[in-house]
């Protein structure tokens, strides 16, 4: 994860692994500049997961364009409502706006995990 310290990248990887273990969903994170529109790029990343896409959550953080997208697959959407994703994105953006980039990422991953876990079948 370019632009992060080793410790920060390790913390994010650990949060993603924990999210997958607790929720049973596949989590992916992209930090960087999307090619084309932000939403379309996030959806392409999600689709690239192939058979795992239905059970996946992709978080895209556009560092240069200062934007954020959360894409969920069909099964993941049953456990992560649009409202839960929207609230998480707003909280992450707030943390980012005050300079807490890593905290915002970790909070977002944990928040999505909690929402998905609370609605686990």
C-alpha atoms as a PDB file:
ATOM      1  CA  UNK A   1       0.000   0.000   0.000  1.00  0.00           C
ATOM      2  CA  UNK A   2       1.910   2.887  -1.394  1.00  0.00           C
ATOM      3  CA  UNK A   3       2.222   6.028   0.707  1.00  0.00           C
ATOM      4  CA  UNK A   4       1.665   4.229   4.007  1.00  0.00           C
ATOM      5  CA  UNK A   5       4.196   3.228   6.605  1.00  0.00           C
ATOM      6  CA  UNK A   6       4.789  -0.482   7.037  1.00  0.00           C
ATOM      7  CA  UNK A   7       2.960  -0.401  10.364  1.00  0.00           C
ATOM      8  CA  UNK A   8      -0.038   1.393   8.844  1.00  0.00           C
ATOM      9  CA  UNK A   9      -0.238  -1.051   5.933  1.00  0.00           C
ATOM     10  CA  UNK A  10       0.008  -3.960   8.383  1.00  0.00           C
ATOM     11  CA  UNK A  11      -2.800  -2.495  10.511  1.00  0.00           C
ATOM     12  CA  UNK A  12      -5.029  -2.174   7.449  1.00  0.00           C
ATOM     13  CA  UNK A  13      -4.249  -5.706   6.245  1.00  0.00           C
ATOM     14  CA  UNK A  14      -5.022  -7.041   9.722  1.00  0.00           C
ATOM     15  CA  UNK A  15      -8.332  -5.110   9.793  1.00  0.00           C
ATOM     16  CA  UNK A  16      -9.286  -6.551   6.391  1.00  0.00           C
ATOM     17  CA  UNK A  17      -8.426 -10.122   7.497  1.00  0.00           C
ATOM     18  CA  UNK A  18     -10.408  -9.661  10.708  1.00  0.00           C
ATOM     19  CA  UNK A  19     -13.344  -8.279   8.726  1.00  0.00           C
ATOM     20  CA  UNK A  20     -13.331 -11.324   6.467  1.00  0.00           C
ATOM     21  CA  UNK A  21     -13.052 -13.769   9.359  1.00  0.00           C
ATOM     22  CA  UNK A  22     -15.801 -12.130  11.437  1.00  0.00           C
ATOM     23  CA  UNK A  23     -18.270 -11.414   8.649  1.00  0.00           C
ATOM     24  CA  UNK A  24     -17.629 -14.211   6.163  1.00  0.00           C
ATOM     25  CA  UNK A  25     -17.521 -11.581   3.407  1.00  0.00           C
ATOM     26  CA  UNK A  26     -14.577 -10.826   1.124  1.00  0.00           C
ATOM     27  CA  UNK A  27     -13.174  -7.313   1.703  1.00  0.00           C
ATOM     28  CA  UNK A  28     -11.018  -5.383  -0.738  1.00  0.00           C
ATOM     29  CA  UNK A  29      -9.475  -1.931  -0.498  1.00  0.00           C
ATOM     30  CA  UNK A  30      -8.108   0.269  -3.280  1.00  0.00           C
ATOM     31  CA  UNK A  31      -6.171   3.404  -2.386  1.00  0.00           C
ATOM     32  CA  UNK A  32      -5.267   5.530  -5.368  1.00  0.00           C
ATOM     33  CA  UNK A  33      -6.501   7.296  -8.426  1.00  0.00           C
ATOM     34  CA  UNK A  34      -9.253   5.535 -10.374  1.00  0.00           C
ATOM     35  CA  UNK A  35      -9.096   5.216 -14.140  1.00  0.00           C
ATOM     36  CA  UNK A  36     -12.262   6.785 -15.520  1.00  0.00           C
ATOM     37  CA  UNK A  37     -15.154   7.608 -13.246  1.00  0.00           C
ATOM     38  CA  UNK A  38     -14.728   6.727  -9.599  1.00  0.00           C
ATOM     39  CA  UNK A  39     -17.921   4.668  -9.280  1.00  0.00           C
ATOM     40  CA  UNK A  40     -17.353   2.835 -12.559  1.00  0.00           C
ATOM     41  CA  UNK A  41     -13.776   2.005 -11.584  1.00  0.00           C
ATOM     42  CA  UNK A  42     -14.905   0.694  -8.184  1.00  0.00           C
ATOM     43  CA  UNK A  43     -17.519  -1.463  -9.888  1.00  0.00           C
ATOM     44  CA  UNK A  44     -14.893  -2.826 -12.303  1.00  0.00           C
ATOM     45  CA  UNK A  45     -12.611  -3.707  -9.372  1.00  0.00           C
ATOM     46  CA  UNK A  46     -15.518  -5.464  -7.712  1.00  0.00           C
ATOM     47  CA  UNK A  47     -16.451  -7.373 -10.871  1.00  0.00           C
ATOM     48  CA  UNK A  48     -12.808  -8.451 -11.264  1.00  0.00           C
ATOM     49  CA  UNK A  49     -13.261 -10.604  -8.163  1.00  0.00           C
ATOM     50  CA  UNK A  50     -15.179 -13.024 -10.383  1.00  0.00           C
ATOM     51  CA  UNK A  51     -17.076 -15.705  -8.489  1.00  0.00           C
ATOM     52  CA  UNK A  52     -16.256 -14.014  -5.171  1.00  0.00           C
ATOM     53  CA  UNK A  53     -17.859 -10.713  -6.223  1.00  0.00           C
ATOM     54  CA  UNK A  54     -21.320 -11.599  -4.935  1.00  0.00           C
ATOM     55  CA  UNK A  55     -20.005 -12.022  -1.421  1.00  0.00           C
ATOM     56  CA  UNK A  56     -17.567  -9.097  -1.562  1.00  0.00           C
ATOM     57  CA  UNK A  57     -17.218  -5.512  -0.408  1.00  0.00           C
ATOM     58  CA  UNK A  58     -14.829  -3.152  -2.192  1.00  0.00           C
ATOM     59  CA  UNK A  59     -13.808   0.146  -0.661  1.00  0.00           C
ATOM     60  CA  UNK A  60     -12.194   2.617  -3.052  1.00  0.00           C
ATOM     61  CA  UNK A  61     -10.509   5.732  -1.704  1.00  0.00           C
ATOM     62  CA  UNK A  62      -9.570   8.225  -4.422  1.00  0.00           C
ATOM     63  CA  UNK A  63      -6.669  10.008  -2.766  1.00  0.00           C
ATOM     64  CA  UNK A  64      -6.172  12.670  -5.411  1.00  0.00           C
ATOM     65  CA  UNK A  65      -9.851  13.313  -6.130  1.00  0.00           C
ATOM     66  CA  UNK A  66     -10.760  13.090  -2.445  1.00  0.00           C
ATOM     67  CA  UNK A  67     -13.588  10.638  -2.982  1.00  0.00           C
ATOM     68  CA  UNK A  68     -14.831   7.361  -1.611  1.00  0.00           C
ATOM     69  CA  UNK A  69     -16.930   4.502  -3.008  1.00  0.00           C
ATOM     70  CA  UNK A  70     -18.223   1.332  -1.351  1.00  0.00           C
ATOM     71  CA  UNK A  71     -19.436  -1.439  -3.668  1.00  0.00           C
ATOM     72  CA  UNK A  72     -21.179  -4.548  -2.384  1.00  0.00           C
ATOM     73  CA  UNK A  73     -22.050  -7.775  -4.147  1.00  0.00           C
ATOM     74  CA  UNK A  74     -25.505  -9.320  -4.224  1.00  0.00           C
ATOM     75  CA  UNK A  75     -25.118 -11.503  -1.125  1.00  0.00           C
ATOM     76  CA  UNK A  76     -23.117  -8.856   0.742  1.00  0.00           C
ATOM     77  CA  UNK A  77     -25.866  -6.298   0.039  1.00  0.00           C
ATOM     78  CA  UNK A  78     -28.332  -8.440   1.969  1.00  0.00           C
ATOM     79  CA  UNK A  79     -26.219  -7.822   5.063  1.00  0.00           C
ATOM     80  CA  UNK A  80     -24.930  -4.317   4.333  1.00  0.00           C
ATOM     81  CA  UNK A  81     -27.705  -1.877   3.581  1.00  0.00           C
ATOM     82  CA  UNK A  82     -27.135   1.189   1.444  1.00  0.00           C
ATOM     83  CA  UNK A  83     -27.788   3.237   4.572  1.00  0.00           C
ATOM     84  CA  UNK A  84     -25.090   1.409   6.571  1.00  0.00           C
ATOM     85  CA  UNK A  85     -22.609   1.971   3.721  1.00  0.00           C
ATOM     86  CA  UNK A  86     -23.622   5.636   3.408  1.00  0.00           C
ATOM     87  CA  UNK A  87     -23.196   6.277   7.142  1.00  0.00           C
ATOM     88  CA  UNK A  88     -19.842   4.516   7.139  1.00  0.00           C
ATOM     89  CA  UNK A  89     -18.678   6.546   4.135  1.00  0.00           C
ATOM     90  CA  UNK A  90     -19.728   9.789   5.827  1.00  0.00           C
ATOM     91  CA  UNK A  91     -17.831   8.887   9.003  1.00  0.00           C
ATOM     92  CA  UNK A  92     -14.754   7.931   7.001  1.00  0.00           C
ATOM     93  CA  UNK A  93     -14.892  11.177   5.027  1.00  0.00           C
ATOM     94  CA  UNK A  94     -15.169  13.155   8.254  1.00  0.00           C
ATOM     95  CA  UNK A  95     -12.081  11.435   9.670  1.00  0.00           C
ATOM     96  CA  UNK A  96     -10.202  12.015   6.403  1.00  0.00           C
ATOM     97  CA  UNK A  97     -11.153  15.707   6.407  1.00  0.00           C
ATOM     98  CA  UNK A  98      -9.484  16.260   9.793  1.00  0.00           C
ATOM     99  CA  UNK A  99      -6.342  14.405   8.725  1.00  0.00           C
ATOM    100  CA  UNK A 100      -7.067  11.034  10.318  1.00  0.00           C
ATOM    101  CA  UNK A 101      -6.649   8.911   7.201  1.00  0.00           C
ATOM    102  CA  UNK A 102      -5.639   5.639   8.850  1.00  0.00           C
ATOM    103  CA  UNK A 103      -8.214   6.037  11.608  1.00  0.00           C
ATOM    104  CA  UNK A 104     -10.900   6.661   9.002  1.00  0.00           C
ATOM    105  CA  UNK A 105      -9.950   3.538   7.068  1.00  0.00           C
ATOM    106  CA  UNK A 106      -9.822   1.363  10.168  1.00  0.00           C
ATOM    107  CA  UNK A 107     -13.119   2.762  11.423  1.00  0.00           C
ATOM    108  CA  UNK A 108     -14.763   2.164   8.043  1.00  0.00           C
ATOM    109  CA  UNK A 109     -13.623  -1.445   7.825  1.00  0.00           C
ATOM    110  CA  UNK A 110     -14.717  -2.112  11.417  1.00  0.00           C
ATOM    111  CA  UNK A 111     -18.072  -0.385  10.904  1.00  0.00           C
ATOM    112  CA  UNK A 112     -18.881  -2.396   7.785  1.00  0.00           C
ATOM    113  CA  UNK A 113     -17.800  -5.574   9.556  1.00  0.00           C
ATOM    114  CA  UNK A 114     -20.060  -4.822  12.505  1.00  0.00           C
ATOM    115  CA  UNK A 115     -23.032  -4.051  10.273  1.00  0.00           C
ATOM    116  CA  UNK A 116     -22.516  -7.233   8.247  1.00  0.00           C
ATOM    117  CA  UNK A 117     -21.973  -9.364  11.349  1.00  0.00           C
ATOM    118  CA  UNK A 118     -25.121  -8.101  13.039  1.00  0.00           C
ATOM    119  CA  UNK A 119     -27.153  -9.247  10.024  1.00  0.00           C
ATOM    120  CA  UNK A 120     -25.319 -12.521   9.477  1.00  0.00           C
ATOM    121  CA  UNK A 121     -27.648 -15.417   8.571  1.00  0.00           C
END
